[in-house]
Protein backbone atom coordinates (compact mmCIF):
# COMPACT_ATOMS: atom_id res chain seq x y z
CA MET A 1 -207.92 -11.83 201.56
CA GLU A 2 -209.99 -15.01 201.60
CA ILE A 3 -211.18 -14.34 205.15
CA ARG A 4 -212.30 -10.80 204.25
CA ALA A 5 -214.23 -12.10 201.22
CA ALA A 6 -215.96 -14.67 203.40
CA LEU A 7 -217.13 -11.89 205.75
CA VAL A 8 -218.40 -9.62 202.97
CA ILE A 9 -220.68 -12.17 201.31
CA PRO A 10 -222.92 -12.77 204.37
CA LEU A 11 -223.24 -9.00 204.88
CA ILE A 12 -224.33 -8.47 201.29
CA LEU A 13 -226.75 -11.38 201.46
CA GLY A 14 -228.19 -10.01 204.71
CA PHE A 15 -228.99 -6.67 203.09
CA ALA A 16 -230.55 -8.36 200.06
CA ALA A 17 -233.10 -9.99 202.38
CA VAL A 18 -234.16 -6.55 203.60
CA ALA A 19 -234.51 -5.06 200.13
CA GLU A 20 -237.80 -5.47 198.29
CA ALA A 21 -237.80 -4.38 194.64
CA GLY A 22 -234.94 -1.95 195.28
CA LYS A 23 -236.41 -0.67 198.56
CA TYR A 24 -235.26 -1.16 202.13
CA CYS A 25 -238.29 -2.01 204.27
CA GLY A 26 -238.82 -2.54 207.97
CA ASP A 27 -241.15 -4.85 209.83
CA PRO A 28 -244.89 -4.08 209.74
CA VAL A 29 -246.02 -1.10 211.82
CA GLU A 30 -249.56 -0.35 213.06
CA SER A 31 -251.09 2.89 214.22
CA GLY A 32 -253.42 2.98 217.16
CA VAL A 33 -257.17 3.28 216.57
CA THR A 34 -258.20 6.85 215.83
CA SER A 35 -261.64 8.37 216.39
CA GLU A 36 -262.95 11.31 214.36
CA ALA A 37 -266.25 12.78 213.16
CA THR A 38 -265.55 11.90 209.50
CA GLN A 39 -263.91 8.92 207.88
CA GLU A 40 -261.48 11.17 206.01
CA LYS A 41 -260.25 12.77 209.24
CA ALA A 42 -259.96 9.38 210.93
CA MET A 43 -257.91 8.02 208.02
CA ILE A 44 -255.59 11.05 208.05
CA ALA A 45 -255.12 10.73 211.81
CA ALA A 46 -254.35 6.99 211.47
CA GLN A 47 -251.76 7.69 208.75
CA GLU A 48 -250.14 10.37 210.89
CA TRP A 49 -250.01 8.01 213.88
CA TRP A 50 -248.52 5.28 211.66
CA SER A 51 -245.95 7.78 210.34
CA SER A 52 -244.84 8.74 213.84
CA ARG A 53 -244.29 5.08 214.73
CA ALA A 54 -242.61 4.19 211.43
CA GLY A 55 -240.30 7.19 211.78
CA ALA A 56 -238.74 5.51 214.81
CA LEU A 57 -236.88 3.27 212.32
CA GLY A 58 -235.00 6.28 210.99
CA ARG A 59 -235.34 9.22 208.67
CA GLY A 60 -237.32 8.41 205.52
CA TYR A 61 -239.35 5.48 206.83
CA GLU A 62 -242.20 7.74 207.98
CA ARG A 63 -243.65 8.29 204.51
CA TRP A 64 -246.95 6.40 204.15
CA ASN A 65 -246.74 6.58 200.34
CA ASN A 66 -243.51 4.51 200.37
CA ALA A 67 -244.96 1.76 202.58
CA THR A 68 -245.77 -1.68 201.21
CA ASP A 69 -248.58 -3.98 202.35
CA GLN A 70 -250.67 -0.94 203.28
CA SER A 71 -253.94 -1.55 205.05
CA MET A 72 -256.53 0.84 206.45
CA GLU A 73 -259.32 -0.58 208.60
CA CYS A 74 -262.20 1.78 209.36
CA SER A 75 -265.55 1.39 211.04
CA LYS A 76 -268.38 3.62 212.20
CA ASP A 77 -269.83 3.37 215.69
CA ASP A 78 -273.45 3.84 216.76
CA ARG A 79 -272.74 7.51 217.61
CA GLY A 80 -271.59 8.24 214.07
CA ASN A 81 -267.87 8.49 214.85
CA PHE A 82 -265.35 6.84 212.55
CA HIS A 83 -262.50 4.70 213.85
CA CYS A 84 -259.49 3.83 211.68
CA LYS A 85 -256.24 1.94 212.07
CA ALA A 86 -253.38 2.03 209.52
CA SER A 87 -250.80 -0.70 209.03
CA GLY A 88 -247.99 -1.33 206.56
CA ARG A 89 -244.30 -2.07 206.13
CA PRO A 90 -242.35 1.21 206.23
CA CYS A 91 -239.90 1.51 203.33
CA LEU A 92 -237.29 4.00 202.26
CA PRO A 93 -237.75 5.56 198.82
CA GLU A 94 -236.28 3.40 196.05
CA GLY A 95 -232.53 3.95 195.74
CA THR A 96 -232.16 5.28 199.30
CA LEU A 97 -229.85 3.41 201.66
CA PRO A 98 -230.61 3.15 205.38
CA GLU A 99 -228.55 5.41 207.62
CA ASN A 100 -227.41 2.48 209.78
CA VAL A 101 -225.74 0.39 207.02
CA PRO A 102 -222.35 -0.80 208.29
CA LYS A 103 -219.41 0.45 206.26
CA ILE A 104 -217.10 -2.19 204.76
CA ASP A 105 -213.41 -1.32 204.46
CA MET A 106 -211.79 -2.77 201.37
């Protein structure tokens, strides 16, 4: 029993490092730079690109509204086109566990 307890504690501590205020978050993800005629369209395209990359972590991470450390950088070029890039840490909704959490037999 003592050996099993010793193995469980590091696993629990490892998951606590991933959780942020009750959320499981991944490493920061960036979109590519989008180019659109309006800033609104460029921002939407950057969020969609970010979502597709964040979704690679698993189901639920793709939601921009759940991300922490969100950042949107936009600029306008001399032709009037807007360029945006989204970045943020993808997080699962609060109270949702990642699909890849190892199961512990007790």
